[in-house]
Amino acid sequence: MINTNVTNFRKNLFNILEQTIKYNEPVNISTKDGNAVIISEEDYNGLMETLYLCSIPNMREKIMSSINTSVDECVAEDEVDW
């Protein structure tokens, strides 16, 4: 994680954002009123998806149990009734 203060963030805004997007490197910006964290849109979307999946009852357990399922036991995508 990159740590910077708001003054340096303003001076290097483009470069810091570019690094955050390109390398998924979060940025912690400190101010006198508190801190803020900037993350890439890709990381944000991943966090939101994780939160959504964790909000579904028993989903975590289903995901964990499926990790040990062999590919031979899985249903082919074209056989799934969407």
PDB file of N, CA and C in Angstrom:
ATOM      1  N   MET A   1       0.854  -1.174   0.000  1.00  0.00           N
ATOM      2  CA  MET A   1       0.000   0.000   0.000  1.00  0.00           C
ATOM      3  C   MET A   1       0.896   1.232   0.000  1.00  0.00           C
ATOM      4  N   ILE A   2       0.547   2.182  -0.827  1.00  0.00           N
ATOM      5  CA  ILE A   2       1.245   3.461  -0.867  1.00  0.00           C
ATOM      6  C   ILE A   2       0.643   4.362   0.206  1.00  0.00           C
ATOM      7  N   ASN A   3       1.489   4.983   1.005  1.00  0.00           N
ATOM      8  CA  ASN A   3       1.042   5.944   2.012  1.00  0.00           C
ATOM      9  C   ASN A   3       1.530   7.326   1.617  1.00  0.00           C
ATOM     10  N   THR A   4       0.630   8.287   1.612  1.00  0.00           N
ATOM     11  CA  THR A   4       0.993   9.653   1.263  1.00  0.00           C
ATOM     12  C   THR A   4       0.084  10.621   1.996  1.00  0.00           C
ATOM     13  N   ASN A   5       0.484  11.869   2.024  1.00  0.00           N
ATOM     14  CA  ASN A   5      -0.412  12.883   2.587  1.00  0.00           C
ATOM     15  C   ASN A   5      -1.148  13.558   1.437  1.00  0.00           C
ATOM     16  N   VAL A   6      -2.145  14.339   1.768  1.00  0.00           N
ATOM     17  CA  VAL A   6      -3.007  14.920   0.745  1.00  0.00           C
ATOM     18  C   VAL A   6      -2.246  15.896  -0.160  1.00  0.00           C
ATOM     19  N   THR A   7      -1.264  16.605   0.394  1.00  0.00           N
ATOM     20  CA  THR A   7      -0.488  17.548  -0.420  1.00  0.00           C
ATOM     21  C   THR A   7       0.307  16.812  -1.494  1.00  0.00           C
ATOM     22  N   ASN A   8       1.008  15.752  -1.100  1.00  0.00           N
ATOM     23  CA  ASN A   8       1.769  14.971  -2.078  1.00  0.00           C
ATOM     24  C   ASN A   8       0.839  14.257  -3.060  1.00  0.00           C
ATOM     25  N   PHE A   9      -0.318  13.842  -2.576  1.00  0.00           N
ATOM     26  CA  PHE A   9      -1.275  13.196  -3.468  1.00  0.00           C
ATOM     27  C   PHE A   9      -1.715  14.166  -4.562  1.00  0.00           C
ATOM     28  N   ARG A  10      -2.012  15.396  -4.184  1.00  0.00           N
ATOM     29  CA  ARG A  10      -2.410  16.408  -5.177  1.00  0.00           C
ATOM     30  C   ARG A  10      -1.314  16.628  -6.205  1.00  0.00           C
ATOM     31  N   LYS A  11      -0.070  16.701  -5.741  1.00  0.00           N
ATOM     32  CA  LYS A  11       1.064  16.956  -6.642  1.00  0.00           C
ATOM     33  C   LYS A  11       1.276  15.803  -7.625  1.00  0.00           C
ATOM     34  N   ASN A  12       1.022  14.588  -7.164  1.00  0.00           N
ATOM     35  CA  ASN A  12       1.310  13.394  -7.969  1.00  0.00           C
ATOM     36  C   ASN A  12       0.058  12.619  -8.347  1.00  0.00           C
ATOM     37  N   LEU A  13      -1.058  13.299  -8.417  1.00  0.00           N
ATOM     38  CA  LEU A  13      -2.352  12.654  -8.631  1.00  0.00           C
ATOM     39  C   LEU A  13      -2.349  11.686  -9.809  1.00  0.00           C
ATOM     40  N   PHE A  14      -1.934  12.150 -10.961  1.00  0.00           N
ATOM     41  CA  PHE A  14      -2.000  11.305 -12.151  1.00  0.00           C
ATOM     42  C   PHE A  14      -1.133  10.064 -11.988  1.00  0.00           C
ATOM     43  N   ASN A  15       0.109  10.230 -11.547  1.00  0.00           N
ATOM     44  CA  ASN A  15       1.018   9.091 -11.413  1.00  0.00           C
ATOM     45  C   ASN A  15       0.534   8.092 -10.366  1.00  0.00           C
ATOM     46  N   ILE A  16       0.025   8.587  -9.251  1.00  0.00           N
ATOM     47  CA  ILE A  16      -0.465   7.686  -8.210  1.00  0.00           C
ATOM     48  C   ILE A  16      -1.684   6.911  -8.693  1.00  0.00           C
ATOM     49  N   LEU A  17      -2.612   7.587  -9.342  1.00  0.00           N
ATOM     50  CA  LEU A  17      -3.798   6.889  -9.867  1.00  0.00           C
ATOM     51  C   LEU A  17      -3.420   5.882 -10.938  1.00  0.00           C
ATOM     52  N   GLU A  18      -2.474   6.246 -11.788  1.00  0.00           N
ATOM     53  CA  GLU A  18      -2.023   5.334 -12.834  1.00  0.00           C
ATOM     54  C   GLU A  18      -1.425   4.061 -12.210  1.00  0.00           C
ATOM     55  N   GLN A  19      -0.630   4.220 -11.163  1.00  0.00           N
ATOM     56  CA  GLN A  19      -0.035   3.075 -10.485  1.00  0.00           C
ATOM     57  C   GLN A  19      -1.110   2.227  -9.806  1.00  0.00           C
ATOM     58  N   THR A  20      -2.085   2.886  -9.215  1.00  0.00           N
ATOM     59  CA  THR A  20      -3.185   2.166  -8.566  1.00  0.00           C
ATOM     60  C   THR A  20      -3.948   1.319  -9.578  1.00  0.00           C
ATOM     61  N   ILE A  21      -4.211   1.879 -10.727  1.00  0.00           N
ATOM     62  CA  ILE A  21      -4.959   1.158 -11.764  1.00  0.00           C
ATOM     63  C   ILE A  21      -4.115   0.051 -12.382  1.00  0.00           C
ATOM     64  N   LYS A  22      -2.879   0.373 -12.726  1.00  0.00           N
ATOM     65  CA  LYS A  22      -2.022  -0.579 -13.431  1.00  0.00           C
ATOM     66  C   LYS A  22      -1.592  -1.747 -12.558  1.00  0.00           C
ATOM     67  N   TYR A  23      -1.259  -1.474 -11.293  1.00  0.00           N
ATOM     68  CA  TYR A  23      -0.709  -2.509 -10.426  1.00  0.00           C
ATOM     69  C   TYR A  23      -1.634  -2.897  -9.275  1.00  0.00           C
ATOM     70  N   ASN A  24      -2.853  -2.377  -9.271  1.00  0.00           N
ATOM     71  CA  ASN A  24      -3.804  -2.644  -8.187  1.00  0.00           C
ATOM     72  C   ASN A  24      -3.190  -2.350  -6.818  1.00  0.00           C
ATOM     73  N   GLU A  25      -2.458  -1.253  -6.743  1.00  0.00           N
ATOM     74  CA  GLU A  25      -1.789  -0.839  -5.513  1.00  0.00           C
ATOM     75  C   GLU A  25      -2.660   0.187  -4.792  1.00  0.00           C
ATOM     76  N   PRO A  26      -3.230  -0.176  -3.639  1.00  0.00           N
ATOM     77  CA  PRO A  26      -4.061   0.784  -2.901  1.00  0.00           C
ATOM     78  C   PRO A  26      -3.233   1.971  -2.409  1.00  0.00           C
ATOM     79  N   VAL A  27      -3.890   3.084  -2.209  1.00  0.00           N
ATOM     80  CA  VAL A  27      -3.233   4.296  -1.724  1.00  0.00           C
ATOM     81  C   VAL A  27      -3.943   4.774  -0.467  1.00  0.00           C
ATOM     82  N   ASN A  28      -3.180   4.973   0.598  1.00  0.00           N
ATOM     83  CA  ASN A  28      -3.703   5.530   1.836  1.00  0.00           C
ATOM     84  C   ASN A  28      -3.308   7.006   1.864  1.00  0.00           C
ATOM     85  N   ILE A  29      -4.304   7.880   1.885  1.00  0.00           N
ATOM     86  CA  ILE A  29      -4.065   9.323   1.883  1.00  0.00           C
ATOM     87  C   ILE A  29      -4.432   9.860   3.257  1.00  0.00           C
ATOM     88  N   SER A  30      -3.450  10.455   3.928  1.00  0.00           N
ATOM     89  CA  SER A  30      -3.716  10.986   5.264  1.00  0.00           C
ATOM     90  C   SER A  30      -3.965  12.488   5.196  1.00  0.00           C
ATOM     91  N   THR A  31      -4.950  12.914   5.973  1.00  0.00           N
ATOM     92  CA  THR A  31      -5.268  14.338   6.105  1.00  0.00           C
ATOM     93  C   THR A  31      -5.398  14.641   7.590  1.00  0.00           C
ATOM     94  N   LYS A  32      -5.506  15.897   7.919  1.00  0.00           N
ATOM     95  CA  LYS A  32      -5.658  16.263   9.330  1.00  0.00           C
ATOM     96  C   LYS A  32      -7.002  15.800   9.896  1.00  0.00           C
ATOM     97  N   ASP A  33      -7.980  15.568   9.013  1.00  0.00           N
ATOM     98  CA  ASP A  33      -9.314  15.139   9.457  1.00  0.00           C
ATOM     99  C   ASP A  33      -9.516  13.631   9.420  1.00  0.00           C
ATOM    100  N   GLY A  34      -8.521  12.881   8.933  1.00  0.00           N
ATOM    101  CA  GLY A  34      -8.650  11.435   8.832  1.00  0.00           C
ATOM    102  C   GLY A  34      -7.986  10.926   7.564  1.00  0.00           C
ATOM    103  N   ASN A  35      -8.166   9.661   7.303  1.00  0.00           N
ATOM    104  CA  ASN A  35      -7.532   9.033   6.150  1.00  0.00           C
ATOM    105  C   ASN A  35      -8.574   8.559   5.143  1.00  0.00           C
ATOM    106  N   ALA A  36      -8.123   8.404   3.907  1.00  0.00           N
ATOM    107  CA  ALA A  36      -8.957   7.834   2.848  1.00  0.00           C
ATOM    108  C   ALA A  36      -8.102   6.825   2.087  1.00  0.00           C
ATOM    109  N   VAL A  37      -8.747   5.811   1.538  1.00  0.00           N
ATOM    110  CA  VAL A  37      -8.039   4.803   0.764  1.00  0.00           C
ATOM    111  C   VAL A  37      -8.612   4.801  -0.646  1.00  0.00           C
ATOM    112  N   ILE A  38      -7.725   4.801  -1.622  1.00  0.00           N
ATOM    113  CA  ILE A  38      -8.130   4.716  -3.024  1.00  0.00           C
ATOM    114  C   ILE A  38      -7.704   3.349  -3.543  1.00  0.00           C
ATOM    115  N   ILE A  39      -8.637   2.657  -4.206  1.00  0.00           N
ATOM    116  CA  ILE A  39      -8.339   1.374  -4.829  1.00  0.00           C
ATOM    117  C   ILE A  39      -8.795   1.424  -6.285  1.00  0.00           C
ATOM    118  N   SER A  40      -8.287   0.502  -7.081  1.00  0.00           N
ATOM    119  CA  SER A  40      -8.687   0.445  -8.485  1.00  0.00           C
ATOM    120  C   SER A  40     -10.136  -0.019  -8.600  1.00  0.00           C
ATOM    121  N   GLU A  41     -10.738   0.286  -9.725  1.00  0.00           N
ATOM    122  CA  GLU A  41     -12.110  -0.166  -9.964  1.00  0.00           C
ATOM    123  C   GLU A  41     -12.174  -1.691  -9.967  1.00  0.00           C
ATOM    124  N   GLU A  42     -11.138  -2.335 -10.499  1.00  0.00           N
ATOM    125  CA  GLU A  42     -11.092  -3.797 -10.531  1.00  0.00           C
ATOM    126  C   GLU A  42     -11.121  -4.367  -9.110  1.00  0.00           C
ATOM    127  N   ASP A  43     -10.314  -3.790  -8.216  1.00  0.00           N
ATOM    128  CA  ASP A  43     -10.318  -4.244  -6.823  1.00  0.00           C
ATOM    129  C   ASP A  43     -11.656  -3.951  -6.151  1.00  0.00           C
ATOM    130  N   TYR A  44     -12.223  -2.784  -6.415  1.00  0.00           N
ATOM    131  CA  TYR A  44     -13.525  -2.430  -5.843  1.00  0.00           C
ATOM    132  C   TYR A  44     -14.598  -3.431  -6.274  1.00  0.00           C
ATOM    133  N   ASN A  45     -14.635  -3.732  -7.572  1.00  0.00           N
ATOM    134  CA  ASN A  45     -15.632  -4.685  -8.074  1.00  0.00           C
ATOM    135  C   ASN A  45     -15.437  -6.061  -7.442  1.00  0.00           C
ATOM    136  N   GLY A  46     -14.185  -6.474  -7.250  1.00  0.00           N
ATOM    137  CA  GLY A  46     -13.908  -7.745  -6.603  1.00  0.00           C
ATOM    138  C   GLY A  46     -14.395  -7.768  -5.162  1.00  0.00           C
ATOM    139  N   LEU A  47     -14.182  -6.677  -4.443  1.00  0.00           N
ATOM    140  CA  LEU A  47     -14.665  -6.583  -3.069  1.00  0.00           C
ATOM    141  C   LEU A  47     -16.189  -6.633  -3.007  1.00  0.00           C
ATOM    142  N   MET A  48     -16.845  -5.913  -3.913  1.00  0.00           N
ATOM    143  CA  MET A  48     -18.304  -5.904  -3.920  1.00  0.00           C
ATOM    144  C   MET A  48     -18.864  -7.291  -4.233  1.00  0.00           C
ATOM    145  N   GLU A  49     -18.224  -7.998  -5.152  1.00  0.00           N
ATOM    146  CA  GLU A  49     -18.668  -9.355  -5.499  1.00  0.00           C
ATOM    147  C   GLU A  49     -18.485 -10.286  -4.305  1.00  0.00           C
ATOM    148  N   THR A  50     -17.353 -10.158  -3.619  1.00  0.00           N
ATOM    149  CA  THR A  50     -17.099 -10.976  -2.436  1.00  0.00           C
ATOM    150  C   THR A  50     -18.133 -10.701  -1.348  1.00  0.00           C
ATOM    151  N   LEU A  51     -18.410  -9.427  -1.101  1.00  0.00           N
ATOM    152  CA  LEU A  51     -19.422  -9.079  -0.098  1.00  0.00           C
ATOM    153  C   LEU A  51     -20.789  -9.637  -0.470  1.00  0.00           C
ATOM    154  N   TYR A  52     -21.129  -9.539  -1.752  1.00  0.00           N
ATOM    155  CA  TYR A  52     -22.411 -10.067  -2.209  1.00  0.00           C
ATOM    156  C   TYR A  52     -22.491 -11.582  -1.980  1.00  0.00           C
ATOM    157  N   LEU A  53     -21.446 -12.292  -2.388  1.00  0.00           N
ATOM    158  CA  LEU A  53     -21.458 -13.750  -2.227  1.00  0.00           C
ATOM    159  C   LEU A  53     -21.501 -14.147  -0.757  1.00  0.00           C
ATOM    160  N   CYS A  54     -20.801 -13.406   0.081  1.00  0.00           N
ATOM    161  CA  CYS A  54     -20.809 -13.713   1.517  1.00  0.00           C
ATOM    162  C   CYS A  54     -22.151 -13.393   2.169  1.00  0.00           C
ATOM    163  N   SER A  55     -22.957 -12.572   1.522  1.00  0.00           N
ATOM    164  CA  SER A  55     -24.261 -12.218   2.091  1.00  0.00           C
ATOM    165  C   SER A  55     -25.327 -13.280   1.817  1.00  0.00           C
ATOM    166  N   ILE A  56     -25.056 -14.198   0.927  1.00  0.00           N
ATOM    167  CA  ILE A  56     -26.007 -15.265   0.594  1.00  0.00           C
ATOM    168  C   ILE A  56     -25.838 -16.385   1.612  1.00  0.00           C
ATOM    169  N   PRO A  57     -26.904 -16.764   2.309  1.00  0.00           N
ATOM    170  CA  PRO A  57     -26.788 -17.817   3.322  1.00  0.00           C
ATOM    171  C   PRO A  57     -26.185 -19.107   2.749  1.00  0.00           C
ATOM    172  N   ASN A  58     -25.239 -19.671   3.470  1.00  0.00           N
ATOM    173  CA  ASN A  58     -24.569 -20.934   3.131  1.00  0.00           C
ATOM    174  C   ASN A  58     -23.691 -20.874   1.884  1.00  0.00           C
ATOM    175  N   MET A  59     -23.554 -19.707   1.258  1.00  0.00           N
ATOM    176  CA  MET A  59     -22.755 -19.630   0.034  1.00  0.00           C
ATOM    177  C   MET A  59     -21.285 -19.913   0.323  1.00  0.00           C
ATOM    178  N   ARG A  60     -20.772 -19.404   1.422  1.00  0.00           N
ATOM    179  CA  ARG A  60     -19.365 -19.635   1.758  1.00  0.00           C
ATOM    180  C   ARG A  60     -19.089 -21.136   1.870  1.00  0.00           C
ATOM    181  N   GLU A  61     -19.961 -21.846   2.555  1.00  0.00           N
ATOM    182  CA  GLU A  61     -19.782 -23.278   2.725  1.00  0.00           C
ATOM    183  C   GLU A  61     -19.846 -24.009   1.380  1.00  0.00           C
ATOM    184  N   LYS A  62     -20.760 -23.583   0.511  1.00  0.00           N
ATOM    185  CA  LYS A  62     -20.873 -24.204  -0.815  1.00  0.00           C
ATOM    186  C   LYS A  62     -19.607 -23.979  -1.631  1.00  0.00           C
ATOM    187  N   ILE A  63     -19.074 -22.764  -1.566  1.00  0.00           N
ATOM    188  CA  ILE A  63     -17.847 -22.459  -2.306  1.00  0.00           C
ATOM    189  C   ILE A  63     -16.688 -23.285  -1.756  1.00  0.00           C
ATOM    190  N   MET A  64     -16.573 -23.336  -0.439  1.00  0.00           N
ATOM    191  CA  MET A  64     -15.477 -24.091   0.177  1.00  0.00           C
ATOM    192  C   MET A  64     -15.570 -25.583  -0.153  1.00  0.00           C
ATOM    193  N   SER A  65     -16.772 -26.130  -0.156  1.00  0.00           N
ATOM    194  CA  SER A  65     -16.912 -27.559  -0.466  1.00  0.00           C
ATOM    195  C   SER A  65     -16.651 -27.829  -1.947  1.00  0.00           C
ATOM    196  N   SER A  66     -16.938 -26.875  -2.792  1.00  0.00           N
ATOM    197  CA  SER A  66     -16.726 -27.082  -4.233  1.00  0.00           C
ATOM    198  C   SER A  66     -15.249 -27.056  -4.606  1.00  0.00           C
ATOM    199  N   ILE A  67     -14.418 -26.483  -3.751  1.00  0.00           N
ATOM    200  CA  ILE A  67     -12.976 -26.454  -4.031  1.00  0.00           C
ATOM    201  C   ILE A  67     -12.432 -27.876  -4.139  1.00  0.00           C
ATOM    202  N   ASN A  68     -12.979 -28.783  -3.366  1.00  0.00           N
ATOM    203  CA  ASN A  68     -12.505 -30.168  -3.354  1.00  0.00           C
ATOM    204  C   ASN A  68     -13.209 -31.056  -4.374  1.00  0.00           C
ATOM    205  N   THR A  69     -14.103 -30.481  -5.168  1.00  0.00           N
ATOM    206  CA  THR A  69     -14.830 -31.253  -6.173  1.00  0.00           C
ATOM    207  C   THR A  69     -13.966 -31.403  -7.419  1.00  0.00           C
ATOM    208  N   SER A  70     -13.827 -32.625  -7.896  1.00  0.00           N
ATOM    209  CA  SER A  70     -13.019 -32.834  -9.098  1.00  0.00           C
ATOM    210  C   SER A  70     -13.812 -32.370 -10.321  1.00  0.00           C
ATOM    211  N   VAL A  71     -13.105 -32.035 -11.365  1.00  0.00           N
ATOM    212  CA  VAL A  71     -13.725 -31.547 -12.604  1.00  0.00           C
ATOM    213  C   VAL A  71     -14.638 -32.612 -13.197  1.00  0.00           C
ATOM    214  N   ASP A  72     -14.283 -33.876 -13.022  1.00  0.00           N
ATOM    215  CA  ASP A  72     -15.101 -34.972 -13.555  1.00  0.00           C
ATOM    216  C   ASP A  72     -16.499 -35.014 -12.943  1.00  0.00           C
ATOM    217  N   GLU A  73     -16.646 -34.489 -11.737  1.00  0.00           N
ATOM    218  CA  GLU A  73     -17.933 -34.490 -11.051  1.00  0.00           C
ATOM    219  C   GLU A  73     -18.801 -33.282 -11.416  1.00  0.00           C
ATOM    220  N   CYS A  74     -18.244 -32.346 -12.164  1.00  0.00           N
ATOM    221  CA  CYS A  74     -18.954 -31.107 -12.487  1.00  0.00           C
ATOM    222  C   CYS A  74     -19.852 -31.293 -13.704  1.00  0.00           C
ATOM    223  N   VAL A  75     -20.865 -30.463 -13.790  1.00  0.00           N
ATOM    224  CA  VAL A  75     -21.792 -30.464 -14.919  1.00  0.00           C
ATOM    225  C   VAL A  75     -21.226 -29.550 -16.006  1.00  0.00           C
ATOM    226  N   ALA A  76     -21.291 -29.988 -17.238  1.00  0.00           N
ATOM    227  CA  ALA A  76     -20.810 -29.167 -18.349  1.00  0.00           C
ATOM    228  C   ALA A  76     -21.654 -27.906 -18.472  1.00  0.00           C
ATOM    229  N   GLU A  77     -21.029 -26.835 -18.893  1.00  0.00           N
ATOM    230  CA  GLU A  77     -21.726 -25.547 -18.975  1.00  0.00           C
ATOM    231  C   GLU A  77     -22.948 -25.611 -19.887  1.00  0.00           C
ATOM    232  N   ASP A  78     -22.847 -26.312 -20.999  1.00  0.00           N
ATOM    233  CA  ASP A  78     -23.985 -26.393 -21.917  1.00  0.00           C
ATOM    234  C   ASP A  78     -25.136 -27.237 -21.374  1.00  0.00           C
ATOM    235  N   GLU A  79     -24.898 -27.953 -20.268  1.00  0.00           N
ATOM    236  CA  GLU A  79     -25.959 -28.740 -19.645  1.00  0.00           C
ATOM    237  C   GLU A  79     -26.642 -28.006 -18.489  1.00  0.00           C
ATOM    238  N   VAL A  80     -26.142 -26.844 -18.162  1.00  0.00           N
ATOM    239  CA  VAL A  80     -26.727 -26.069 -17.068  1.00  0.00           C
ATOM    240  C   VAL A  80     -27.994 -25.383 -17.553  1.00  0.00           C
ATOM    241  N   ASP A  81     -29.033 -25.481 -16.770  1.00  0.00           N
ATOM    242  CA  ASP A  81     -30.304 -24.830 -17.109  1.00  0.00           C
ATOM    243  C   ASP A  81     -30.293 -23.420 -16.525  1.00  0.00           C
ATOM    244  N   TRP A  82     -29.911 -22.439 -17.343  1.00  0.00           N
ATOM    245  CA  TRP A  82     -29.807 -21.043 -16.873  1.00  0.00           C
ATOM    246  C   TRP A  82     -31.174 -20.465 -16.786  1.00  0.00           C
TER     247      TRP A  82
END
